Amino acid sequence: MEYEEAKQRIIEGLQKKKGKTKFYFNDLAKILEEKPRAAKKFISQMVIEEVLEYWSSGSTSLYGLKGVGKQAAAEEGEEGE
């Protein structure tokens, strides 16, 4: 699979999931239908390009589309002040 195809699959897959903005790595790997090692390359590149954002609580790591969700709304409010 090429990077552009992987990127499109993830964007479409995450946009279809209503009510949820953060996803586990395994959720993204499942969307890609790839093994974790191959999926990691695509997902890492998407984080670097800021298509996805990485979020960690210390014990849990999640990914979401950049600019979507409660965290994005809170950050936008801080910038405007």
Protein backbone atom coordinates (compact mmCIF):
# COMPACT_ATOMS: atom_id res chain seq x y z
CA MET A 1 0.00 0.00 0.00
CA GLU A 2 1.22 3.49 -0.84
CA TYR A 3 1.28 6.28 1.73
CA GLU A 4 -1.38 8.40 -0.03
CA GLU A 5 -3.79 5.45 -0.08
CA ALA A 6 -3.15 4.77 3.61
CA LYS A 7 -3.68 8.44 4.45
CA GLN A 8 -7.00 8.51 2.57
CA ARG A 9 -8.21 5.30 4.25
CA ILE A 10 -7.48 6.64 7.73
CA ILE A 11 -9.08 10.03 7.10
CA GLU A 12 -12.24 8.45 5.68
CA GLY A 13 -12.33 5.75 8.35
CA LEU A 14 -12.06 8.24 11.22
CA GLN A 15 -14.59 10.65 9.72
CA LYS A 16 -17.17 7.83 9.55
CA LYS A 17 -16.92 7.17 13.29
CA LYS A 18 -19.40 9.60 14.80
CA GLY A 19 -19.08 10.71 18.42
CA LYS A 20 -15.50 9.57 18.81
CA THR A 21 -12.43 11.70 18.11
CA LYS A 22 -9.52 9.74 19.61
CA PHE A 23 -8.53 6.22 18.60
CA TYR A 24 -6.10 3.55 19.69
CA PHE A 25 -3.22 2.55 17.42
CA ASN A 26 -4.86 -0.84 16.85
CA ASP A 27 -8.01 0.88 15.57
CA LEU A 28 -5.93 2.66 12.93
CA ALA A 29 -4.04 -0.51 12.00
CA LYS A 30 -7.39 -2.26 11.53
CA ILE A 31 -8.61 0.53 9.21
CA LEU A 32 -5.44 0.09 7.16
CA GLU A 33 -5.72 -3.71 7.24
CA GLU A 34 -1.98 -3.79 7.93
CA LYS A 35 0.22 -5.44 10.51
CA PRO A 36 1.38 -3.11 13.31
CA ARG A 37 4.90 -2.57 11.96
CA ALA A 38 3.68 -1.47 8.53
CA ALA A 39 0.85 0.63 10.01
CA LYS A 40 3.28 2.41 12.37
CA LYS A 41 5.22 3.84 9.42
CA PHE A 42 2.08 5.33 7.86
CA ILE A 43 0.68 6.62 11.15
CA SER A 44 3.99 8.17 12.22
CA GLN A 45 4.28 9.97 8.89
CA MET A 46 0.75 11.31 9.27
CA VAL A 47 1.63 12.67 12.74
CA ILE A 48 4.76 14.34 11.32
CA GLU A 49 2.67 15.94 8.55
CA GLU A 50 0.08 16.98 11.18
CA VAL A 51 -2.75 15.08 9.52
CA LEU A 52 -3.10 13.13 12.78
CA GLU A 53 -2.29 14.27 16.28
CA TYR A 54 -0.83 12.08 19.00
CA TRP A 55 -2.20 12.31 22.53
CA SER A 56 -0.92 10.51 25.61
CA SER A 57 -2.13 10.46 29.19
CA GLY A 58 1.03 8.71 30.30
CA SER A 59 -0.54 5.28 30.33
CA THR A 60 -2.69 5.49 27.21
CA SER A 61 -1.73 6.69 23.74
CA LEU A 62 -4.39 7.82 21.30
CA TYR A 63 -4.51 9.36 17.83
CA GLY A 64 -7.06 11.66 16.22
CA LEU A 65 -7.51 13.86 13.20
CA LYS A 66 -5.79 17.21 13.69
CA GLY A 67 -8.22 19.94 14.71
CA VAL A 68 -11.10 17.63 15.69
CA GLY A 69 -12.50 17.06 19.17
CA LYS A 70 -12.69 18.72 22.57
CA GLN A 71 -8.93 19.22 22.86
CA ALA A 72 -8.82 21.14 19.56
CA ALA A 73 -11.72 23.37 20.63
CA ALA A 74 -9.99 24.16 23.93
CA GLU A 75 -6.71 24.97 22.20
CA GLU A 76 -8.43 27.27 19.69
CA GLY A 77 -10.02 29.17 22.58
CA GLU A 78 -6.63 29.70 24.25
CA GLU A 79 -5.03 31.04 21.07
CA GLY A 80 -7.75 33.62 20.59
CA GLU A 81 -7.23 35.23 24.00
